[in-house]
Amino acid sequence: MALSPVLLEVLACPEDKGPLYYLQDENALYNPRLTRRYRIEDDIPVMLIEEAETVDADEAKRIMAKVSSEGIKPTFDGGSSEDAAT
């Protein structure tokens, strides 16, 4: 089951408060500014900083290529050019 569009509109990174990318098929939310991935368990985002996974440069590139090729939009408009980083 996918996350609710209403929930996605308000989800932000707990550390930098910026938008995230929802990777539905990977059950994850991704912050490109911090290269941090938050897992989703049983349709519940685990938004604890200490539970997040920091991904390496290759994984960050893979995720952002996927975001670009699939047209995945951020959870909200953060108004920063960094939203499309890397």
PDB file of N, CA and C in Angstrom:
ATOM      1  N   MET A   1       0.841  -1.182   0.000  1.00  0.00           N
ATOM      2  CA  MET A   1       0.000   0.000   0.000  1.00  0.00           C
ATOM      3  C   MET A   1       0.887   1.247   0.000  1.00  0.00           C
ATOM      4  N   ALA A   2       0.515   2.232  -0.772  1.00  0.00           N
ATOM      5  CA  ALA A   2       1.278   3.472  -0.873  1.00  0.00           C
ATOM      6  C   ALA A   2       0.928   4.416   0.277  1.00  0.00           C
ATOM      7  N   LEU A   3       1.853   5.305   0.570  1.00  0.00           N
ATOM      8  CA  LEU A   3       1.587   6.319   1.586  1.00  0.00           C
ATOM      9  C   LEU A   3       0.529   7.287   1.074  1.00  0.00           C
ATOM     10  N   SER A   4      -0.241   7.805   1.971  1.00  0.00           N
ATOM     11  CA  SER A   4      -1.295   8.756   1.642  1.00  0.00           C
ATOM     12  C   SER A   4      -0.705  10.036   1.040  1.00  0.00           C
ATOM     13  N   PRO A   5      -1.322  10.546  -0.044  1.00  0.00           N
ATOM     14  CA  PRO A   5      -0.861  11.820  -0.612  1.00  0.00           C
ATOM     15  C   PRO A   5      -0.918  12.964   0.403  1.00  0.00           C
ATOM     16  N   VAL A   6      -1.891  12.933   1.293  1.00  0.00           N
ATOM     17  CA  VAL A   6      -2.003  13.975   2.328  1.00  0.00           C
ATOM     18  C   VAL A   6      -0.806  13.902   3.267  1.00  0.00           C
ATOM     19  N   LEU A   7      -0.413  12.697   3.657  1.00  0.00           N
ATOM     20  CA  LEU A   7       0.764  12.518   4.513  1.00  0.00           C
ATOM     21  C   LEU A   7       2.021  12.985   3.791  1.00  0.00           C
ATOM     22  N   LEU A   8       2.156  12.619   2.521  1.00  0.00           N
ATOM     23  CA  LEU A   8       3.351  12.994   1.765  1.00  0.00           C
ATOM     24  C   LEU A   8       3.520  14.506   1.665  1.00  0.00           C
ATOM     25  N   GLU A   9       2.414  15.237   1.620  1.00  0.00           N
ATOM     26  CA  GLU A   9       2.476  16.699   1.511  1.00  0.00           C
ATOM     27  C   GLU A   9       3.107  17.358   2.731  1.00  0.00           C
ATOM     28  N   VAL A  10       3.098  16.676   3.865  1.00  0.00           N
ATOM     29  CA  VAL A  10       3.625  17.279   5.091  1.00  0.00           C
ATOM     30  C   VAL A  10       4.907  16.623   5.594  1.00  0.00           C
ATOM     31  N   LEU A  11       5.317  15.521   4.969  1.00  0.00           N
ATOM     32  CA  LEU A  11       6.535  14.841   5.425  1.00  0.00           C
ATOM     33  C   LEU A  11       7.777  15.656   5.078  1.00  0.00           C
ATOM     34  N   ALA A  12       8.633  15.817   6.059  1.00  0.00           N
ATOM     35  CA  ALA A  12       9.893  16.537   5.893  1.00  0.00           C
ATOM     36  C   ALA A  12      10.977  15.785   6.643  1.00  0.00           C
ATOM     37  N   CYS A  13      12.210  16.026   6.251  1.00  0.00           N
ATOM     38  CA  CYS A  13      13.328  15.437   6.963  1.00  0.00           C
ATOM     39  C   CYS A  13      13.342  15.990   8.391  1.00  0.00           C
ATOM     40  N   PRO A  14      13.448  15.137   9.392  1.00  0.00           N
ATOM     41  CA  PRO A  14      13.451  15.625  10.771  1.00  0.00           C
ATOM     42  C   PRO A  14      14.696  16.428  11.128  1.00  0.00           C
ATOM     43  N   GLU A  15      15.760  16.284  10.337  1.00  0.00           N
ATOM     44  CA  GLU A  15      16.984  17.018  10.658  1.00  0.00           C
ATOM     45  C   GLU A  15      17.041  18.383   9.985  1.00  0.00           C
ATOM     46  N   ASP A  16      16.883  18.438   8.649  1.00  0.00           N
ATOM     47  CA  ASP A  16      17.008  19.735   7.968  1.00  0.00           C
ATOM     48  C   ASP A  16      15.661  20.348   7.574  1.00  0.00           C
ATOM     49  N   LYS A  17      14.576  19.646   7.878  1.00  0.00           N
ATOM     50  CA  LYS A  17      13.201  20.111   7.642  1.00  0.00           C
ATOM     51  C   LYS A  17      12.864  20.300   6.167  1.00  0.00           C
ATOM     52  N   GLY A  18      13.703  19.779   5.279  1.00  0.00           N
ATOM     53  CA  GLY A  18      13.474  19.902   3.846  1.00  0.00           C
ATOM     54  C   GLY A  18      12.653  18.760   3.283  1.00  0.00           C
ATOM     55  N   PRO A  19      12.263  18.874   2.010  1.00  0.00           N
ATOM     56  CA  PRO A  19      11.450  17.850   1.360  1.00  0.00           C
ATOM     57  C   PRO A  19      12.220  16.555   1.131  1.00  0.00           C
ATOM     58  N   LEU A  20      11.453  15.507   0.920  1.00  0.00           N
ATOM     59  CA  LEU A  20      11.996  14.168   0.690  1.00  0.00           C
ATOM     60  C   LEU A  20      11.448  13.622  -0.620  1.00  0.00           C
ATOM     61  N   TYR A  21      12.093  12.606  -1.148  1.00  0.00           N
ATOM     62  CA  TYR A  21      11.570  11.881  -2.306  1.00  0.00           C
ATOM     63  C   TYR A  21      11.037  10.544  -1.814  1.00  0.00           C
ATOM     64  N   TYR A  22       9.819  10.224  -2.234  1.00  0.00           N
ATOM     65  CA  TYR A  22       9.174   8.973  -1.849  1.00  0.00           C
ATOM     66  C   TYR A  22       9.494   7.915  -2.891  1.00  0.00           C
ATOM     67  N   LEU A  23      10.257   6.914  -2.471  1.00  0.00           N
ATOM     68  CA  LEU A  23      10.622   5.791  -3.335  1.00  0.00           C
ATOM     69  C   LEU A  23       9.697   4.635  -2.976  1.00  0.00           C
ATOM     70  N   GLN A  24       8.514   4.658  -3.554  1.00  0.00           N
ATOM     71  CA  GLN A  24       7.466   3.725  -3.170  1.00  0.00           C
ATOM     72  C   GLN A  24       7.900   2.269  -3.298  1.00  0.00           C
ATOM     73  N   ASP A  25       8.529   1.917  -4.426  1.00  0.00           N
ATOM     74  CA  ASP A  25       8.911   0.519  -4.636  1.00  0.00           C
ATOM     75  C   ASP A  25      10.067   0.064  -3.754  1.00  0.00           C
ATOM     76  N   GLU A  26      10.741   1.002  -3.092  1.00  0.00           N
ATOM     77  CA  GLU A  26      11.846   0.669  -2.188  1.00  0.00           C
ATOM     78  C   GLU A  26      11.454   0.852  -0.716  1.00  0.00           C
ATOM     79  N   ASN A  27      10.197   1.240  -0.486  1.00  0.00           N
ATOM     80  CA  ASN A  27       9.722   1.503   0.877  1.00  0.00           C
ATOM     81  C   ASN A  27      10.663   2.434   1.616  1.00  0.00           C
ATOM     82  N   ALA A  28      10.916   3.594   1.001  1.00  0.00           N
ATOM     83  CA  ALA A  28      11.853   4.540   1.601  1.00  0.00           C
ATOM     84  C   ALA A  28      11.519   5.972   1.209  1.00  0.00           C
ATOM     85  N   LEU A  29      11.997   6.880   2.029  1.00  0.00           N
ATOM     86  CA  LEU A  29      11.987   8.310   1.740  1.00  0.00           C
ATOM     87  C   LEU A  29      13.449   8.734   1.700  1.00  0.00           C
ATOM     88  N   TYR A  30      13.788   9.628   0.764  1.00  0.00           N
ATOM     89  CA  TYR A  30      15.200   9.984   0.579  1.00  0.00           C
ATOM     90  C   TYR A  30      15.401  11.491   0.643  1.00  0.00           C
ATOM     91  N   ASN A  31      16.430  11.902   1.376  1.00  0.00           N
ATOM     92  CA  ASN A  31      16.835  13.301   1.465  1.00  0.00           C
ATOM     93  C   ASN A  31      18.155  13.452   0.705  1.00  0.00           C
ATOM     94  N   PRO A  32      18.126  14.105  -0.470  1.00  0.00           N
ATOM     95  CA  PRO A  32      19.349  14.238  -1.266  1.00  0.00           C
ATOM     96  C   PRO A  32      20.363  15.226  -0.674  1.00  0.00           C
ATOM     97  N   ARG A  33      19.899  16.135   0.163  1.00  0.00           N
ATOM     98  CA  ARG A  33      20.810  17.129   0.739  1.00  0.00           C
ATOM     99  C   ARG A  33      21.743  16.496   1.760  1.00  0.00           C
ATOM    100  N   LEU A  34      21.232  15.515   2.501  1.00  0.00           N
ATOM    101  CA  LEU A  34      22.026  14.832   3.524  1.00  0.00           C
ATOM    102  C   LEU A  34      22.399  13.412   3.112  1.00  0.00           C
ATOM    103  N   THR A  35      22.006  13.023   1.912  1.00  0.00           N
ATOM    104  CA  THR A  35      22.165  11.646   1.393  1.00  0.00           C
ATOM    105  C   THR A  35      21.705  10.626   2.433  1.00  0.00           C
ATOM    106  N   ARG A  36      20.507  10.867   2.936  1.00  0.00           N
ATOM    107  CA  ARG A  36      19.960  10.037   3.997  1.00  0.00           C
ATOM    108  C   ARG A  36      18.652   9.394   3.539  1.00  0.00           C
ATOM    109  N   ARG A  37      18.512   8.106   3.851  1.00  0.00           N
ATOM    110  CA  ARG A  37      17.320   7.349   3.491  1.00  0.00           C
ATOM    111  C   ARG A  37      16.599   6.920   4.777  1.00  0.00           C
ATOM    112  N   TYR A  38      15.280   7.168   4.779  1.00  0.00           N
ATOM    113  CA  TYR A  38      14.414   6.763   5.884  1.00  0.00           C
ATOM    114  C   TYR A  38      13.541   5.607   5.400  1.00  0.00           C
ATOM    115  N   ARG A  39      13.542   4.513   6.127  1.00  0.00           N
ATOM    116  CA  ARG A  39      12.761   3.348   5.702  1.00  0.00           C
ATOM    117  C   ARG A  39      11.291   3.523   6.082  1.00  0.00           C
ATOM    118  N   ILE A  40      10.461   2.758   5.398  1.00  0.00           N
ATOM    119  CA  ILE A  40       9.033   2.715   5.690  1.00  0.00           C
ATOM    120  C   ILE A  40       8.714   1.280   6.077  1.00  0.00           C
ATOM    121  N   GLU A  41       8.159   1.105   7.258  1.00  0.00           N
ATOM    122  CA  GLU A  41       7.813  -0.230   7.758  1.00  0.00           C
ATOM    123  C   GLU A  41       6.312  -0.297   7.993  1.00  0.00           C
ATOM    124  N   ASP A  42       5.666  -1.288   7.395  1.00  0.00           N
ATOM    125  CA  ASP A  42       4.217  -1.469   7.566  1.00  0.00           C
ATOM    126  C   ASP A  42       3.466  -0.175   7.262  1.00  0.00           C
ATOM    127  N   ASP A  43       3.873   0.495   6.177  1.00  0.00           N
ATOM    128  CA  ASP A  43       3.253   1.750   5.729  1.00  0.00           C
ATOM    129  C   ASP A  43       3.418   2.902   6.708  1.00  0.00           C
ATOM    130  N   ILE A  44       4.420   2.810   7.588  1.00  0.00           N
ATOM    131  CA  ILE A  44       4.702   3.881   8.544  1.00  0.00           C
ATOM    132  C   ILE A  44       6.143   4.351   8.340  1.00  0.00           C
ATOM    133  N   PRO A  45       6.336   5.625   7.954  1.00  0.00           N
ATOM    134  CA  PRO A  45       7.698   6.142   7.811  1.00  0.00           C
ATOM    135  C   PRO A  45       8.410   6.192   9.164  1.00  0.00           C
ATOM    136  N   VAL A  46       9.619   5.680   9.204  1.00  0.00           N
ATOM    137  CA  VAL A  46      10.439   5.726  10.414  1.00  0.00           C
ATOM    138  C   VAL A  46      11.306   6.985  10.292  1.00  0.00           C
ATOM    139  N   MET A  47      10.838   8.067  10.904  1.00  0.00           N
ATOM    140  CA  MET A  47      11.450   9.375  10.721  1.00  0.00           C
ATOM    141  C   MET A  47      12.350   9.770  11.894  1.00  0.00           C
ATOM    142  N   LEU A  48      13.074   8.819  12.422  1.00  0.00           N
ATOM    143  CA  LEU A  48      14.025   9.081  13.496  1.00  0.00           C
ATOM    144  C   LEU A  48      15.412   9.255  12.894  1.00  0.00           C
ATOM    145  N   ILE A  49      16.078  10.326  13.226  1.00  0.00           N
ATOM    146  CA  ILE A  49      17.400  10.609  12.667  1.00  0.00           C
ATOM    147  C   ILE A  49      18.357   9.454  12.928  1.00  0.00           C
ATOM    148  N   GLU A  50      18.330   8.918  14.128  1.00  0.00           N
ATOM    149  CA  GLU A  50      19.261   7.838  14.473  1.00  0.00           C
ATOM    150  C   GLU A  50      18.939   6.526  13.762  1.00  0.00           C
ATOM    151  N   GLU A  51      17.760   6.405  13.179  1.00  0.00           N
ATOM    152  CA  GLU A  51      17.368   5.203  12.441  1.00  0.00           C
ATOM    153  C   GLU A  51      17.610   5.338  10.937  1.00  0.00           C
ATOM    154  N   ALA A  52      17.929   6.537  10.483  1.00  0.00           N
ATOM    155  CA  ALA A  52      18.144   6.779   9.055  1.00  0.00           C
ATOM    156  C   ALA A  52      19.458   6.150   8.600  1.00  0.00           C
ATOM    157  N   GLU A  53      19.521   5.856   7.310  1.00  0.00           N
ATOM    158  CA  GLU A  53      20.731   5.297   6.707  1.00  0.00           C
ATOM    159  C   GLU A  53      21.368   6.353   5.811  1.00  0.00           C
ATOM    160  N   THR A  54      22.627   6.657   6.043  1.00  0.00           N
ATOM    161  CA  THR A  54      23.354   7.550   5.158  1.00  0.00           C
ATOM    162  C   THR A  54      23.919   6.706   4.029  1.00  0.00           C
ATOM    163  N   VAL A  55      23.591   7.078   2.799  1.00  0.00           N
ATOM    164  CA  VAL A  55      24.010   6.277   1.647  1.00  0.00           C
ATOM    165  C   VAL A  55      25.311   6.826   1.075  1.00  0.00           C
ATOM    166  N   ASP A  56      26.061   5.941   0.408  1.00  0.00           N
ATOM    167  CA  ASP A  56      27.324   6.376  -0.202  1.00  0.00           C
ATOM    168  C   ASP A  56      27.047   7.097  -1.524  1.00  0.00           C
ATOM    169  N   ALA A  57      28.095   7.639  -2.119  1.00  0.00           N
ATOM    170  CA  ALA A  57      27.967   8.451  -3.332  1.00  0.00           C
ATOM    171  C   ALA A  57      27.347   7.672  -4.493  1.00  0.00           C
ATOM    172  N   ASP A  58      27.719   6.422  -4.668  1.00  0.00           N
ATOM    173  CA  ASP A  58      27.157   5.620  -5.757  1.00  0.00           C
ATOM    174  C   ASP A  58      25.661   5.394  -5.572  1.00  0.00           C
ATOM    175  N   GLU A  59      25.258   5.108  -4.352  1.00  0.00           N
ATOM    176  CA  GLU A  59      23.837   4.898  -4.077  1.00  0.00           C
ATOM    177  C   GLU A  59      23.061   6.199  -4.231  1.00  0.00           C
ATOM    178  N   ALA A  60      23.637   7.306  -3.803  1.00  0.00           N
ATOM    179  CA  ALA A  60      22.986   8.607  -3.968  1.00  0.00           C
ATOM    180  C   ALA A  60      22.771   8.911  -5.448  1.00  0.00           C
ATOM    181  N   LYS A  61      23.762   8.623  -6.280  1.00  0.00           N
ATOM    182  CA  LYS A  61      23.620   8.842  -7.725  1.00  0.00           C
ATOM    183  C   LYS A  61      22.540   7.942  -8.306  1.00  0.00           C
ATOM    184  N   ARG A  62      22.501   6.689  -7.863  1.00  0.00           N
ATOM    185  CA  ARG A  62      21.482   5.758  -8.363  1.00  0.00           C
ATOM    186  C   ARG A  62      20.079   6.256  -8.013  1.00  0.00           C
ATOM    187  N   ILE A  63      19.916   6.678  -6.767  1.00  0.00           N
ATOM    188  CA  ILE A  63      18.603   7.152  -6.324  1.00  0.00           C
ATOM    189  C   ILE A  63      18.189   8.389  -7.113  1.00  0.00           C
ATOM    190  N   MET A  64      19.089   9.336  -7.272  1.00  0.00           N
ATOM    191  CA  MET A  64      18.728  10.565  -7.978  1.00  0.00           C
ATOM    192  C   MET A  64      18.495  10.315  -9.465  1.00  0.00           C
ATOM    193  N   ALA A  65      19.186   9.345 -10.052  1.00  0.00           N
ATOM    194  CA  ALA A  65      18.909   8.972 -11.443  1.00  0.00           C
ATOM    195  C   ALA A  65      17.496   8.403 -11.543  1.00  0.00           C
ATOM    196  N   LYS A  66      17.111   7.605 -10.555  1.00  0.00           N
ATOM    197  CA  LYS A  66      15.765   7.028 -10.516  1.00  0.00           C
ATOM    198  C   LYS A  66      14.730   8.143 -10.353  1.00  0.00           C
ATOM    199  N   VAL A  67      14.982   9.066  -9.442  1.00  0.00           N
ATOM    200  CA  VAL A  67      14.079  10.200  -9.220  1.00  0.00           C
ATOM    201  C   VAL A  67      13.872  10.957 -10.529  1.00  0.00           C
ATOM    202  N   SER A  68      14.964  11.206 -11.228  1.00  0.00           N
ATOM    203  CA  SER A  68      14.903  11.942 -12.489  1.00  0.00           C
ATOM    204  C   SER A  68      14.174  11.159 -13.580  1.00  0.00           C
ATOM    205  N   SER A  69      14.535   9.904 -13.758  1.00  0.00           N
ATOM    206  CA  SER A  69      13.957   9.113 -14.848  1.00  0.00           C
ATOM    207  C   SER A  69      12.478   8.799 -14.620  1.00  0.00           C
ATOM    208  N   GLU A  70      12.060   8.675 -13.360  1.00  0.00           N
ATOM    209  CA  GLU A  70      10.668   8.349 -13.049  1.00  0.00           C
ATOM    210  C   GLU A  70       9.828   9.589 -12.739  1.00  0.00           C
ATOM    211  N   GLY A  71      10.464  10.763 -12.759  1.00  0.00           N
ATOM    212  CA  GLY A  71       9.727  11.996 -12.501  1.00  0.00           C
ATOM    213  C   GLY A  71       9.171  12.094 -11.091  1.00  0.00           C
ATOM    214  N   ILE A  72       9.903  11.547 -10.127  1.00  0.00           N
ATOM    215  CA  ILE A  72       9.444  11.576  -8.728  1.00  0.00           C
ATOM    216  C   ILE A  72       9.588  13.004  -8.201  1.00  0.00           C
ATOM    217  N   LYS A  73       8.509  13.515  -7.657  1.00  0.00           N
ATOM    218  CA  LYS A  73       8.487  14.881  -7.125  1.00  0.00           C
ATOM    219  C   LYS A  73       8.774  14.862  -5.629  1.00  0.00           C
ATOM    220  N   PRO A  74       9.350  15.955  -5.101  1.00  0.00           N
ATOM    221  CA  PRO A  74       9.581  16.028  -3.654  1.00  0.00           C
ATOM    222  C   PRO A  74       8.256  16.100  -2.900  1.00  0.00           C
ATOM    223  N   THR A  75       8.294  15.783  -1.623  1.00  0.00           N
ATOM    224  CA  THR A  75       7.084  15.770  -0.810  1.00  0.00           C
ATOM    225  C   THR A  75       6.426  17.145  -0.741  1.00  0.00           C
ATOM    226  N   PHE A  76       7.202  18.201  -0.857  1.00  0.00           N
ATOM    227  CA  PHE A  76       6.665  19.559  -0.945  1.00  0.00           C
ATOM    228  C   PHE A  76       7.720  20.427  -1.604  1.00  0.00           C
ATOM    229  N   ASP A  77       7.330  21.623  -2.007  1.00  0.00           N
ATOM    230  CA  ASP A  77       8.267  22.536  -2.655  1.00  0.00           C
ATOM    231  C   ASP A  77       9.057  23.271  -1.586  1.00  0.00           C
ATOM    232  N   GLY A  78      10.338  22.884  -1.452  1.00  0.00           N
ATOM    233  CA  GLY A  78      11.183  23.501  -0.447  1.00  0.00           C
ATOM    234  C   GLY A  78      11.737  24.846  -0.849  1.00  0.00           C
ATOM    235  N   GLY A  79      11.534  25.234  -2.116  1.00  0.00           N
ATOM    236  CA  GLY A  79      11.966  26.535  -2.577  1.00  0.00           C
ATOM    237  C   GLY A  79      13.460  26.700  -2.675  1.00  0.00           C
ATOM    238  N   SER A  80      14.216  25.586  -2.759  1.00  0.00           N
ATOM    239  CA  SER A  80      15.668  25.657  -2.832  1.00  0.00           C
ATOM    240  C   SER A  80      16.169  24.865  -4.029  1.00  0.00           C
ATOM    241  N   SER A  81      17.218  25.373  -4.659  1.00  0.00           N
ATOM    242  CA  SER A  81      17.807  24.660  -5.793  1.00  0.00           C
ATOM    243  C   SER A  81      18.516  23.395  -5.329  1.00  0.00           C
ATOM    244  N   GLU A  82      18.768  23.258  -4.025  1.00  0.00           N
ATOM    245  CA  GLU A  82      19.409  22.066  -3.497  1.00  0.00           C
ATOM    246  C   GLU A  82      18.485  20.857  -3.512  1.00  0.00           C
ATOM    247  N   ASP A  83      17.181  21.068  -3.680  1.00  0.00           N
ATOM    248  CA  ASP A  83      16.233  19.964  -3.675  1.00  0.00           C
ATOM    249  C   ASP A  83      16.547  18.946  -4.748  1.00  0.00           C
ATOM    250  N   ALA A  84      17.141  19.378  -5.840  1.00  0.00           N
ATOM    251  CA  ALA A  84      17.477  18.472  -6.933  1.00  0.00           C
ATOM    252  C   ALA A  84      18.967  18.166  -6.943  1.00  0.00           C
ATOM    253  N   ALA A  85      19.594  18.214  -5.792  1.00  0.00           N
ATOM    254  CA  ALA A  85      21.045  18.030  -5.686  1.00  0.00           C
ATOM    255  C   ALA A  85      21.489  16.663  -6.193  1.00  0.00           C
ATOM    256  N   THR A  86      22.713  16.657  -6.658  1.00  0.00           N
ATOM    257  CA  THR A  86      23.421  15.471  -7.152  1.00  0.00           C
ATOM    258  C   THR A  86      22.682  14.749  -8.211  1.00  0.00           C
TER     259      THR A  86
END
